[in-house]
């Protein structure tokens, strides 16, 4: 009886389906867990890009960039700590960073 039960392959397809469903559920849960992190990074990158663009357009890092940072914070709901590599006047194509 036991020998016959061990040689039987009748329920083999069910185990395959269970494993596939389990893997699919795990992949979906991983995507759901990682999506907010990716979204936050994209928002921060856009935030920094807009601040840099504002500094380039206004020609300086000062009240204009501070006002733009406040608008962006209100719009996005994130309030990052902003530091600039330089302060004051900036020229187009002059290198500076915002972190």
Protein backbone atom coordinates (compact mmCIF):
# COMPACT_ATOMS: atom_id res chain seq x y z
CA UNK A 1 0.00 0.00 0.00
CA UNK A 2 2.74 2.47 0.96
CA UNK A 3 4.80 1.50 -2.06
CA UNK A 4 1.84 2.10 -4.34
CA UNK A 5 1.16 5.48 -2.70
CA UNK A 6 4.76 6.63 -3.14
CA UNK A 7 4.81 5.70 -6.83
CA UNK A 8 1.54 7.47 -7.55
CA UNK A 9 1.86 10.81 -9.41
CA UNK A 10 -1.77 11.86 -9.25
CA UNK A 11 -1.35 14.98 -7.05
CA UNK A 12 1.86 16.23 -8.62
CA UNK A 13 0.19 19.03 -10.61
CA UNK A 14 -1.39 20.51 -7.51
CA UNK A 15 1.99 21.00 -5.85
CA UNK A 16 3.32 22.75 -8.95
CA UNK A 17 0.38 25.14 -8.95
CA UNK A 18 0.78 25.87 -5.24
CA UNK A 19 4.47 26.67 -5.72
CA UNK A 20 3.78 28.94 -8.70
CA UNK A 21 1.07 30.82 -6.79
CA UNK A 22 3.38 31.18 -3.79
CA UNK A 23 6.17 32.60 -5.94
CA UNK A 24 3.80 35.03 -7.65
CA UNK A 25 2.47 36.26 -4.30
CA UNK A 26 6.02 36.77 -3.02
CA UNK A 27 7.01 38.76 -6.11
CA UNK A 28 3.92 40.96 -5.83
CA UNK A 29 4.60 41.62 -2.14
CA UNK A 30 8.21 42.55 -2.96
CA UNK A 31 7.04 45.02 -5.59
CA UNK A 32 4.56 46.55 -3.15
CA UNK A 33 7.29 46.90 -0.52
CA UNK A 34 9.82 48.53 -2.87
CA UNK A 35 7.47 50.87 -4.76
CA UNK A 36 7.23 53.60 -2.06
CA UNK A 37 11.02 53.81 -1.80
CA UNK A 38 11.42 54.24 -5.54
CA UNK A 39 8.64 56.82 -5.59
CA UNK A 40 10.28 58.84 -2.80
CA UNK A 41 13.63 58.80 -4.60
CA UNK A 42 12.04 60.03 -7.81
CA UNK A 43 10.31 62.84 -5.90
CA UNK A 44 13.56 63.90 -4.24
CA UNK A 45 15.40 63.86 -7.57
CA UNK A 46 12.73 66.05 -9.16
CA UNK A 47 12.80 68.35 -6.12
CA UNK A 48 16.56 68.84 -6.46
CA UNK A 49 16.35 69.29 -10.24
CA UNK A 50 13.75 72.03 -9.87
CA UNK A 51 15.80 73.80 -7.21
CA UNK A 52 18.90 73.73 -9.40
CA UNK A 53 16.92 75.02 -12.35
CA UNK A 54 15.54 77.86 -10.22
CA UNK A 55 19.07 78.79 -9.15
CA UNK A 56 20.22 78.80 -12.78
CA UNK A 57 17.30 80.94 -13.94
CA UNK A 58 17.54 83.48 -11.12
CA UNK A 59 21.33 83.57 -11.30
CA UNK A 60 21.87 83.15 -7.59
CA UNK A 61 21.20 80.96 -4.63
CA UNK A 62 19.16 82.92 -2.16
CA UNK A 63 15.61 84.04 -1.55
CA UNK A 64 14.34 82.73 -4.90
CA UNK A 65 15.58 79.23 -4.24
CA UNK A 66 14.28 79.33 -0.68
CA UNK A 67 10.84 80.38 -1.90
CA UNK A 68 10.89 77.65 -4.54
CA UNK A 69 11.86 75.09 -1.90
CA UNK A 70 8.87 76.12 0.20
CA UNK A 71 6.53 75.78 -2.78
CA UNK A 72 7.96 72.36 -3.60
CA UNK A 73 7.65 71.23 0.01
CA UNK A 74 4.01 72.26 0.10
CA UNK A 75 3.32 70.56 -3.21
CA UNK A 76 5.13 67.28 -2.54
CA UNK A 77 4.71 67.00 1.21
CA UNK A 78 8.40 66.27 1.77
CA UNK A 79 10.68 68.58 3.71
CA UNK A 80 14.31 67.69 3.00
CA UNK A 81 17.35 69.27 4.62
CA UNK A 82 18.86 71.34 1.80
CA UNK A 83 22.54 72.23 1.58
CA UNK A 84 24.22 74.00 -1.32
CA UNK A 85 27.84 73.66 -2.42
CA UNK A 86 28.02 77.43 -2.89
CA UNK A 87 26.00 80.51 -1.98
CA UNK A 88 25.41 83.72 -3.90
CA UNK A 89 25.64 84.32 -7.62
CA UNK A 90 25.91 81.43 -10.06
CA UNK A 91 26.50 81.45 -13.79
CA UNK A 92 24.93 79.18 -16.36
CA UNK A 93 26.92 75.96 -16.75
CA UNK A 94 28.77 76.67 -13.52
CA UNK A 95 28.95 73.59 -11.35
CA UNK A 96 27.19 73.54 -8.01
CA UNK A 97 25.32 70.88 -6.11
CA UNK A 98 22.30 70.66 -3.90
CA UNK A 99 21.98 67.87 -1.37
